[in-house]
Protein backbone atom coordinates (compact mmCIF):
# COMPACT_ATOMS: atom_id res chain seq x y z
CA MET A 1 32.68 -59.32 62.90
CA ALA A 2 30.77 -60.74 65.49
CA ALA A 3 31.63 -61.51 69.30
CA GLU A 4 30.60 -64.83 70.99
CA LEU A 5 26.74 -64.48 71.67
CA SER A 6 25.75 -64.81 75.25
CA GLU A 7 22.01 -64.42 75.79
CA PRO A 8 22.20 -62.22 78.90
CA GLN A 9 24.82 -60.05 77.38
CA PRO A 10 24.47 -57.38 74.72
CA PHE A 11 25.92 -58.51 71.42
CA ARG A 12 28.48 -56.72 69.48
CA LEU A 13 28.28 -56.17 65.45
CA PHE A 14 31.99 -55.03 65.23
CA SER A 15 34.79 -57.57 65.38
CA ASN A 16 37.67 -57.29 67.56
CA SER A 17 41.25 -58.21 67.61
CA GLY A 18 40.98 -61.31 69.75
CA LYS A 19 42.39 -59.78 72.75
CA PRO A 20 40.29 -58.69 75.87
CA LYS A 21 39.06 -55.16 75.28
CA PRO A 22 39.22 -52.41 77.94
CA PRO A 23 36.18 -50.65 79.10
CA PRO A 24 35.00 -48.00 76.67
CA PRO A 25 36.79 -44.56 77.30
CA ALA A 26 34.47 -41.84 78.69
CA VAL A 27 35.90 -39.76 75.54
CA LEU A 28 35.98 -41.21 72.04
CA PRO A 29 39.52 -42.34 71.12
CA HIS A 30 41.72 -39.80 68.74
CA ARG A 31 42.28 -41.41 65.62
CA SER A 32 46.07 -41.32 65.79
CA ASP A 33 45.76 -44.42 68.19
CA PRO A 34 46.45 -47.32 65.89
CA SER A 35 43.70 -49.63 67.88
CA ALA A 36 41.29 -46.81 68.00
CA VAL A 37 38.05 -46.23 65.59
CA ASP A 38 38.96 -44.12 63.01
CA ILE A 39 36.36 -41.26 62.85
CA GLU A 40 35.67 -38.77 59.90
CA ARG A 41 33.26 -36.19 59.75
CA GLY A 42 32.30 -34.33 56.48
CA GLY A 43 29.52 -32.39 54.68
CA ALA A 44 27.68 -32.81 51.29
CA ASP A 45 29.92 -29.90 49.85
CA GLU A 46 33.35 -31.68 51.05
CA ASP A 47 35.92 -32.17 48.37
CA GLY A 48 36.74 -35.68 47.34
CA PRO A 49 37.90 -37.83 44.49
CA ALA A 50 36.63 -36.60 41.16
CA SER A 51 35.71 -40.10 39.74
CA PHE A 52 34.75 -43.67 40.57
CA ALA A 53 38.02 -44.82 39.13
CA ASP A 54 40.04 -43.01 42.07
CA LEU A 55 38.40 -44.88 44.41
CA GLY A 56 39.98 -48.36 43.58
CA LEU A 57 37.22 -49.69 41.74
CA SER A 58 37.79 -52.11 38.79
CA GLN A 59 37.22 -50.85 35.62
CA TRP A 60 34.00 -53.06 35.17
CA ALA A 61 32.30 -51.03 37.97
CA VAL A 62 33.50 -47.66 36.77
CA ASP A 63 31.91 -48.33 33.51
CA THR A 64 28.61 -49.42 35.28
CA CYS A 65 28.56 -46.25 37.16
CA HIS A 66 28.68 -44.32 33.73
CA GLU A 67 25.96 -46.24 32.25
CA LEU A 68 23.91 -45.46 35.16
CA ARG A 69 24.66 -41.90 34.87
CA MET A 70 26.49 -41.81 38.18
CA GLU A 71 29.21 -39.50 36.88
CA HIS A 72 30.68 -38.60 40.33
CA PRO A 73 31.19 -40.34 43.59
CA THR A 74 29.18 -38.59 46.56
CA PRO A 75 31.01 -37.65 49.82
CA VAL A 76 29.63 -40.88 51.58
CA GLN A 77 30.77 -42.84 48.50
CA SER A 78 34.17 -41.10 48.28
CA ARG A 79 34.96 -41.89 51.85
CA CYS A 80 33.59 -45.35 52.43
CA ILE A 81 34.13 -47.29 49.46
CA PRO A 82 38.19 -47.16 49.65
CA ARG A 83 37.70 -48.16 53.43
CA ILE A 84 35.28 -51.18 52.51
CA LEU A 85 37.75 -52.42 49.83
CA SER A 86 40.65 -52.34 52.17
CA GLY A 87 38.88 -54.48 54.68
CA ASP A 88 37.54 -52.06 57.35
CA ASP A 89 34.38 -52.32 58.92
CA VAL A 90 32.23 -49.12 58.34
CA LEU A 91 29.33 -47.33 60.15
CA GLY A 92 28.24 -44.51 57.68
CA ILE A 93 25.94 -41.92 58.48
CA ALA A 94 24.48 -39.41 55.90
CA GLN A 95 21.75 -37.47 54.78
CA THR A 96 18.82 -39.40 52.96
CA GLY A 97 19.57 -39.25 49.07
CA SER A 98 23.38 -39.13 49.54
CA GLY A 99 24.00 -42.55 47.78
CA LYS A 100 24.39 -44.53 50.62
CA THR A 101 23.48 -47.78 48.79
CA ALA A 102 26.20 -47.37 46.20
CA ALA A 103 28.62 -46.74 49.01
CA PHE A 104 28.30 -50.07 50.21
CA ALA A 105 26.97 -52.08 46.85
CA LEU A 106 29.86 -51.09 44.60
CA PRO A 107 32.88 -52.36 46.86
CA ILE A 108 30.84 -55.68 47.80
CA LEU A 109 30.26 -56.41 44.05
CA ASN A 110 33.99 -55.28 43.55
CA ARG A 111 35.03 -57.86 45.88
CA LEU A 112 32.75 -60.35 44.61
CA ALA A 113 34.08 -60.28 41.10
CA GLU A 114 37.27 -61.17 42.53
CA ASP A 115 36.25 -64.30 44.12
CA PRO A 116 32.56 -64.96 43.06
CA TYR A 117 30.75 -67.74 45.17
CA GLY A 118 27.75 -67.49 47.20
CA VAL A 119 26.30 -66.33 49.68
CA PHE A 120 28.88 -63.48 49.51
CA ALA A 121 26.98 -60.79 51.30
CA LEU A 122 23.84 -60.61 53.37
CA VAL A 123 21.90 -57.31 53.38
CA ILE A 124 19.51 -56.73 56.20
CA THR A 125 16.75 -53.91 56.00
CA PRO A 126 13.61 -53.19 58.12
CA THR A 127 10.93 -53.15 55.50
CA ARG A 128 9.86 -55.11 52.60
CA GLU A 129 9.82 -52.12 50.27
CA LEU A 130 13.13 -51.15 50.92
CA ALA A 131 14.44 -54.70 50.61
CA CYS A 132 12.84 -54.91 47.12
CA GLN A 133 14.61 -51.47 46.02
CA LEU A 134 17.89 -52.78 47.33
CA ALA A 135 17.67 -56.02 45.43
CA GLU A 136 16.90 -53.79 42.41
CA GLN A 137 19.75 -51.76 43.00
CA PHE A 138 22.26 -54.40 43.43
CA ARG A 139 20.99 -56.28 40.35
CA ALA A 140 21.64 -52.92 38.17
CA LEU A 141 25.14 -52.28 39.70
CA GLY A 142 26.04 -56.01 39.33
CA SER A 143 24.41 -56.35 35.88
CA SER A 144 27.81 -56.96 34.00
CA LEU A 145 28.64 -59.79 36.56
CA ASN A 146 25.55 -61.84 36.11
CA LEU A 147 24.86 -61.07 39.52
CA ARG A 148 22.60 -63.73 41.61
CA CYS A 149 20.76 -61.41 44.14
CA THR A 150 17.50 -63.24 46.17
CA LEU A 151 14.86 -61.36 48.01
CA ILE A 152 14.01 -62.96 51.39
CA VAL A 153 11.03 -61.08 52.93
CA GLY A 154 7.82 -62.13 54.47
CA GLY A 155 4.55 -62.67 52.85
CA MET A 156 5.92 -64.62 50.31
CA ASP A 157 6.22 -68.53 49.74
CA LYS A 158 8.76 -69.84 52.39
CA MET A 159 9.51 -73.27 50.50
CA GLY A 160 10.41 -70.97 47.35
CA GLN A 161 12.80 -69.05 49.47
CA ALA A 162 14.60 -71.90 50.93
CA ARG A 163 14.96 -73.34 47.58
CA ALA A 164 16.36 -70.07 46.26
CA LEU A 165 18.65 -69.92 49.54
CA SER A 166 19.93 -73.46 48.85
CA GLU A 167 21.05 -72.39 45.34
CA ARG A 168 23.50 -70.10 47.13
CA PRO A 169 22.88 -66.67 45.39
CA HIS A 170 25.58 -64.02 45.54
CA VAL A 171 23.65 -61.77 47.38
CA VAL A 172 20.63 -61.93 49.90
CA VAL A 173 18.50 -59.02 50.63
CA ALA A 174 16.23 -59.72 53.72
CA THR A 175 14.01 -58.58 56.56
CA PRO A 176 15.17 -59.64 59.76
CA GLY A 177 11.90 -61.96 60.66
CA ARG A 178 11.75 -63.86 57.55
CA ILE A 179 15.57 -64.56 57.36
CA LYS A 180 15.24 -65.65 61.13
CA PHE A 181 12.43 -68.02 60.51
CA LEU A 182 14.26 -69.65 57.79
CA LEU A 183 17.74 -70.02 59.65
CA GLU A 184 15.81 -71.76 62.41
CA GLU A 185 13.13 -73.83 60.74
CA ASN A 186 15.53 -75.31 57.76
CA PRO A 187 18.56 -77.28 59.14
CA ASP A 188 20.20 -76.77 55.54
CA ILE A 189 20.08 -73.13 55.52
CA PRO A 190 22.67 -72.27 58.29
CA ALA A 191 25.40 -73.52 56.13
CA VAL A 192 24.61 -71.22 53.40
CA PHE A 193 25.86 -68.28 55.28
CA SER A 194 28.98 -70.14 56.34
CA LYS A 195 31.60 -68.23 54.31
CA THR A 196 29.61 -65.15 54.04
CA LYS A 197 32.05 -62.16 53.68
CA PHE A 198 29.83 -58.86 54.27
CA LEU A 199 26.80 -58.32 56.56
CA VAL A 200 25.05 -54.89 55.75
CA LEU A 201 22.47 -53.32 58.02
CA ASP A 202 20.51 -50.78 55.98
CA GLU A 203 18.85 -47.93 57.75
CA ALA A 204 20.53 -49.24 60.82
CA ASP A 205 18.99 -47.33 63.18
CA ARG A 206 15.64 -48.96 62.45
CA VAL A 207 17.23 -52.31 62.35
CA LEU A 208 19.05 -51.86 65.74
CA ASP A 209 15.72 -51.27 67.30
CA VAL A 210 14.55 -53.45 70.31
CA GLY A 211 11.72 -54.88 68.29
CA PHE A 212 14.61 -56.84 66.13
CA GLU A 213 16.84 -57.64 68.82
CA GLU A 214 15.82 -61.77 68.85
CA GLU A 215 15.95 -61.83 64.84
CA LEU A 216 19.71 -60.26 65.15
CA ARG A 217 20.93 -62.72 67.70
CA VAL A 218 19.96 -65.53 65.70
CA ILE A 219 21.37 -64.08 62.28
CA PHE A 220 24.71 -63.27 64.00
CA LYS A 221 25.05 -66.69 65.53
CA PHE A 222 25.10 -68.39 62.04
CA LEU A 223 27.49 -65.86 60.38
CA PRO A 224 31.32 -66.30 60.53
CA LYS A 225 33.30 -64.06 62.75
CA SER A 226 35.82 -62.92 60.00
CA ARG A 227 32.94 -61.23 57.91
CA GLN A 228 32.96 -57.34 57.28
CA THR A 229 30.12 -55.50 58.81
CA LEU A 230 28.43 -52.47 57.27
CA LEU A 231 26.25 -50.11 58.97
CA PHE A 232 24.41 -47.39 56.97
CA SER A 233 21.75 -44.80 58.46
CA ALA A 234 20.63 -41.49 57.71
CA THR A 235 20.10 -41.04 61.43
CA MET A 236 22.43 -41.18 64.47
CA THR A 237 20.86 -42.89 67.29
CA SER A 238 22.17 -43.76 70.85
CA ASP A 239 22.30 -47.51 69.65
CA LEU A 240 24.84 -46.53 66.82
CA GLN A 241 26.64 -44.27 69.29
CA ALA A 242 27.09 -47.10 71.58
CA LEU A 243 28.33 -49.41 68.79
CA LEU A 244 30.97 -46.91 67.84
CA GLU A 245 32.30 -46.70 71.38
CA ILE A 246 32.83 -50.47 71.67
CA SER A 247 34.08 -51.20 68.24
CA GLY A 248 37.01 -53.11 67.38
CA ASN A 249 40.35 -52.37 65.77
CA LYS A 250 39.55 -52.15 61.93
CA SER A 251 36.63 -49.80 62.17
CA TYR A 252 35.87 -46.57 60.35
CA PHE A 253 33.16 -44.11 61.35
CA TYR A 254 32.06 -41.52 58.70
CA GLU A 255 29.66 -38.96 59.43
CA ALA A 256 28.17 -36.13 57.54
CA TYR A 257 25.33 -35.73 59.73
CA GLU A 258 24.49 -32.43 61.61
CA GLY A 259 21.12 -33.58 63.22
CA PHE A 260 17.59 -34.07 61.78
CA LYS A 261 18.21 -31.72 58.68
CA THR A 262 16.32 -31.30 55.36
CA VAL A 263 17.96 -30.22 52.05
CA ASP A 264 18.25 -26.86 51.00
CA SER A 265 16.51 -27.73 47.45
CA LEU A 266 13.18 -28.94 49.40
CA GLU A 267 10.45 -26.36 49.86
CA GLN A 268 8.63 -26.87 52.94
CA LYS A 269 5.07 -25.56 53.46
CA PHE A 270 2.04 -25.94 55.73
CA ILE A 271 -1.68 -25.38 55.64
CA PHE A 272 -3.68 -24.53 58.87
CA ILE A 273 -7.12 -26.29 58.62
CA PRO A 274 -9.72 -27.92 60.51
CA LYS A 275 -9.47 -31.61 60.89
CA ASN A 276 -12.60 -32.19 59.00
CA VAL A 277 -11.87 -30.79 55.83
CA LYS A 278 -8.60 -32.41 55.30
CA ASP A 279 -9.78 -34.64 52.55
CA LEU A 280 -10.95 -31.34 50.68
CA TYR A 281 -7.68 -29.68 50.75
CA LEU A 282 -6.02 -33.14 49.66
CA PHE A 283 -8.44 -33.34 46.66
CA HIS A 284 -7.85 -29.91 45.51
CA ILE A 285 -3.99 -30.35 45.55
CA LEU A 286 -3.91 -33.60 44.04
CA SER A 287 -6.52 -32.48 41.27
CA LYS A 288 -4.15 -29.96 40.12
CA MET A 289 -0.80 -31.82 39.70
CA GLU A 290 -0.87 -31.46 36.37
CA ASP A 291 -1.47 -28.01 36.26
CA THR A 292 1.55 -27.21 38.57
CA ASN A 293 3.70 -29.85 36.88
CA ILE A 294 3.90 -32.27 39.60
CA ARG A 295 4.71 -35.73 38.20
CA SER A 296 3.90 -37.68 41.05
CA ALA A 297 3.36 -37.52 44.82
CA ILE A 298 3.29 -39.31 47.94
CA VAL A 299 0.78 -38.81 50.69
CA PHE A 300 1.92 -40.06 53.94
CA VAL A 301 -0.90 -41.02 56.74
CA SER A 302 -0.57 -42.20 60.24
CA THR A 303 -2.77 -45.19 60.06
CA CYS A 304 -3.50 -48.35 57.98
CA ARG A 305 -7.05 -47.39 58.15
CA SER A 306 -6.81 -44.02 57.31
CA CYS A 307 -4.70 -45.14 54.20
CA HIS A 308 -7.45 -47.86 52.97
CA LEU A 309 -10.14 -45.16 53.52
CA LEU A 310 -8.50 -42.24 51.71
CA CYS A 311 -7.49 -44.69 48.82
CA SER A 312 -11.20 -45.65 48.45
CA LEU A 313 -12.42 -42.14 48.64
CA LEU A 314 -9.89 -40.63 45.98
CA GLU A 315 -11.10 -43.64 43.66
CA GLU A 316 -14.56 -42.62 44.08
CA LEU A 317 -13.23 -38.86 43.00
CA ASP A 318 -11.61 -40.39 39.84
CA GLN A 319 -7.90 -39.93 41.09
CA ALA A 320 -5.67 -42.53 39.84
CA VAL A 321 -4.21 -43.85 43.35
CA VAL A 322 -2.41 -46.85 45.01
CA ALA A 323 -2.27 -47.52 48.66
CA LEU A 324 0.71 -49.05 50.41
CA HIS A 325 0.37 -50.12 54.24
CA SER A 326 0.98 -53.07 56.42
CA HIS A 327 -2.51 -54.58 56.00
CA LYS A 328 -1.95 -55.31 52.48
CA SER A 329 -0.45 -58.71 51.04
CA GLN A 330 2.86 -58.54 49.94
CA SER A 331 1.74 -59.20 46.43
CA LEU A 332 -0.39 -56.29 46.40
CA ARG A 333 2.05 -53.92 48.04
CA LEU A 334 4.43 -55.05 45.44
CA SER A 335 2.01 -54.30 42.73
CA ALA A 336 1.09 -50.67 44.06
CA LEU A 337 4.90 -49.86 44.47
CA HIS A 338 5.60 -51.07 40.67
CA ARG A 339 2.49 -49.02 39.32
CA PHE A 340 3.69 -46.01 41.14
CA LYS A 341 7.37 -46.28 40.30
CA SER A 342 6.59 -46.81 36.76
CA GLY A 343 4.69 -43.83 36.25
CA GLN A 344 0.96 -45.96 35.67
CA VAL A 345 -0.25 -44.13 38.85
CA PRO A 346 0.95 -40.75 39.91
CA ILE A 347 -0.46 -40.85 43.59
CA LEU A 348 0.90 -43.16 46.24
CA LEU A 349 -0.89 -43.13 49.73
CA ALA A 350 1.54 -44.72 52.43
CA THR A 351 2.09 -45.29 56.05
CA ASP A 352 5.55 -44.66 57.38
CA VAL A 353 6.23 -48.20 55.72
CA ALA A 354 7.28 -45.95 52.74
CA SER A 355 9.10 -43.14 54.46
CA ARG A 356 12.69 -44.70 54.56
CA GLY A 357 15.04 -45.30 51.72
CA LEU A 358 12.63 -45.35 48.70
CA ASP A 359 14.23 -43.56 45.94
CA ILE A 360 11.86 -42.52 43.21
CA PRO A 361 12.93 -39.59 41.07
CA THR A 362 9.62 -38.30 39.71
CA VAL A 363 8.35 -37.67 43.14
CA ASP A 364 7.75 -33.78 43.21
CA LEU A 365 5.37 -33.54 45.98
CA VAL A 366 5.23 -34.96 49.48
CA ILE A 367 1.92 -34.25 51.56
CA ASN A 368 1.78 -35.01 55.48
CA TYR A 369 -1.77 -35.61 55.44
CA ASP A 370 -1.17 -36.54 59.33
CA ILE A 371 1.61 -34.96 61.21
CA PRO A 372 3.93 -37.64 62.40
CA ARG A 373 4.67 -37.63 66.00
CA TYR A 374 8.59 -37.58 65.69
CA ALA A 375 10.58 -35.12 63.94
CA ARG A 376 12.89 -37.83 62.44
CA ASP A 377 10.11 -39.36 60.75
CA TYR A 378 8.98 -36.02 59.24
CA VAL A 379 12.48 -35.78 58.02
CA HIS A 380 12.49 -39.40 56.37
CA ARG A 381 9.25 -38.55 54.75
CA VAL A 382 9.78 -35.47 53.09
CA GLY A 383 13.11 -37.19 52.00
CA ARG A 384 11.34 -38.99 49.44
CA THR A 385 11.53 -35.94 47.27
CA ALA A 386 13.98 -33.37 46.51
CA ARG A 387 16.79 -36.14 46.23
CA ALA A 388 20.14 -36.03 44.61
CA GLY A 389 20.28 -32.17 44.12
CA ARG A 390 16.60 -32.10 42.48
CA GLY A 391 14.19 -29.76 43.84
CA GLY A 392 10.80 -30.78 45.52
CA LEU A 393 7.79 -29.69 47.64
CA SER A 394 6.35 -30.81 50.78
CA ILE A 395 2.81 -29.78 52.33
CA SER A 396 1.74 -30.47 55.89
CA PHE A 397 -1.80 -30.42 56.91
CA VAL A 398 -1.57 -28.77 60.34
CA THR A 399 -4.49 -28.91 62.64
CA GLN A 400 -5.27 -27.40 65.99
CA ASN A 401 -3.88 -30.52 67.84
CA ASP A 402 -0.89 -30.64 65.73
CA VAL A 403 0.61 -27.15 66.58
CA ASP A 404 2.97 -28.06 69.08
CA LEU A 405 4.03 -31.15 66.81
CA ILE A 406 4.83 -28.92 63.90
CA HIS A 407 6.56 -26.37 66.18
CA GLU A 408 8.71 -29.14 67.54
CA ILE A 409 9.56 -30.29 63.82
CA GLU A 410 10.69 -26.57 63.06
CA VAL A 411 12.93 -26.41 65.97
CA VAL A 412 14.64 -29.89 65.30
CA ILE A 413 15.08 -29.26 61.70
CA GLY A 414 16.04 -25.70 62.16
CA LYS A 415 13.81 -24.27 59.49
CA GLN A 416 10.55 -22.56 59.57
CA LEU A 417 7.71 -23.71 57.49
CA LYS A 418 5.94 -21.35 55.03
CA GLU A 419 2.21 -21.05 54.57
CA TYR A 420 0.80 -22.57 51.32
CA ASP A 421 -1.44 -20.23 49.46
CA CYS A 422 -4.28 -22.11 49.00
CA GLU A 423 -7.88 -20.40 48.57
CA GLU A 424 -10.38 -21.61 50.82
CA LYS A 425 -13.39 -20.64 48.47
CA THR A 426 -12.01 -22.51 45.51
CA VAL A 427 -11.48 -25.68 47.98
CA LEU A 428 -14.83 -25.54 49.20
CA GLU A 429 -16.39 -25.72 45.78
CA ASN A 430 -16.04 -29.44 45.82
CA ILE A 431 -17.18 -30.01 49.36
CA THR A 432 -20.64 -31.98 48.27
CA LYS A 433 -18.44 -34.09 45.89
CA VAL A 434 -15.86 -35.15 48.36
CA TYR A 435 -18.28 -35.71 51.26
CA LYS A 436 -20.49 -37.97 49.21
CA ALA A 437 -17.25 -40.07 48.14
CA ARG A 438 -16.25 -40.02 51.77
CA ARG A 439 -19.73 -41.85 52.59
CA VAL A 440 -19.37 -44.31 49.83
CA ALA A 441 -15.65 -45.05 50.87
CA SER A 442 -16.96 -45.54 54.56
CA MET A 443 -19.43 -47.96 53.32
CA LYS A 444 -17.09 -49.77 51.16
CA MET A 445 -14.76 -50.41 54.19
CA ILE A 446 -17.49 -51.79 56.19
CA ASP A 447 -18.50 -54.41 53.20
CA ASP A 448 -14.82 -55.23 52.91
CA GLY A 449 -14.56 -56.32 56.65
CA PHE A 450 -11.48 -54.10 57.04
CA GLU A 451 -12.12 -53.20 60.81
CA GLU A 452 -12.35 -56.96 61.72
CA LYS A 453 -9.56 -57.99 59.91
CA ALA A 454 -7.70 -55.05 61.48
CA ARG A 455 -8.70 -56.35 64.96
CA ALA A 456 -7.46 -59.60 63.99
CA ARG A 457 -4.10 -58.47 62.80
CA LYS A 458 -3.74 -56.24 66.21
CA ALA A 459 -4.25 -59.17 68.42
CA GLN A 460 -1.75 -61.36 66.35
CA LYS A 461 0.53 -58.85 66.75
CA LEU A 462 0.34 -58.11 70.35
CA LYS A 463 0.74 -62.12 70.71
CA THR A 464 3.84 -62.12 68.72
CA LEU A 465 5.24 -59.35 71.06
CA ALA A 466 4.28 -61.05 74.11
CA GLU A 467 6.02 -64.54 73.15
CA LYS A 468 8.88 -62.30 72.18
CA GLY A 469 8.98 -60.40 75.73
CA LEU A 470 8.68 -57.08 73.98
CA LEU A 471 5.38 -55.94 75.62
CA LYS A 472 7.18 -55.17 78.89
CA LYS A 473 10.27 -53.61 77.24
CA ARG A 474 7.98 -51.19 75.45
CA LYS A 475 6.10 -50.44 78.64
CA ARG A 476 9.58 -49.53 80.50
CA LEU A 477 10.66 -47.42 77.41
CA THR A 478 7.40 -45.37 77.54
């Protein structure tokens, strides 16, 4: 599925027939043309096969779905699974929470069962947390196959990961940077992927961002051209549209996407408040979770510093909370996510590292402590609740500086947020308690040396971007 890589030329993800391709037409080709991309558009309410058995899956896969309480295939699963089983390359665009992971994992595992060897599939995803979740889902779906699935992400022992790859697991789930490093630095690793049948880019819009271009070039160079490539995303972007236009003969495009939309089962509200009392309102809402039957909540903030500070503040207020951001070590990130997912801790504070793909059924509330700059990030954040037909609530803290941002979000999602009923007098009863906790938390950050560590990380990040030549690219994009 990869074309020859030439450094000055843009690379292609989809295979071609071996013949020179004409320039992309101004209008996408009609599907009746046998050499054209097969395009199919649908929605969440479309009709499809009534059971997984109707999709061409083996009986063991159907039984596994029943054991995991997946009674009926979702539209994206109904449309994409048969096409993947038939050997097509697939680009699938569907709403968050629509079952995209099973749409590619089930047919991959079905094909693996017919001819088991490693490495059969390589799955690339943008964040470590999402990679961990994907590995867990592959293991669950492939439990009856004794599936060997290896996780390759940053922040973990490189030598141990190289040894794990040398044992040729069936499925490798990886982030782009770490798998690139191992492919380049260990001469024995490229051969591991010489017979890989599937390449999957999950959250493809993020993986195809310019920041990962160098990593993808290296990865594609070591993969066989005869593979199938599967791209799945909740967001349609210009990069994905361009891929569609240059796709090869056996490519299938499924789109159940009508822009940046949120599900109808999600109740979306806002609170208009001064910036300096946001933590007061946050404490008030979180302290009432049990009274309002909210099992768990994710609070999104814009920076690692805010995430760290709020976590310390809430701990001072005796709230059970964990934080997830990129300044934490990988072991601490995994531990925080495990404690939250297992129900040991009901509150997760996070940056946008947790906004994509994470599927935690007990999340009933999402709070936007800071309003995101882009509507797509809002959609991904609130998509952590009200998944798979369940209900959910999102509350956005809107300050005077956020009014334009929230209006833009409302225009993009086609819905108007309703005001959250919160009595100011009751909230302010805790002002002394919260302000004291804020001072203690600020002093703890100084004692921990957080600011110095943050400056060092920023300098290292800028150095890395400069070495990759991305600083100039980013300037041109702004």
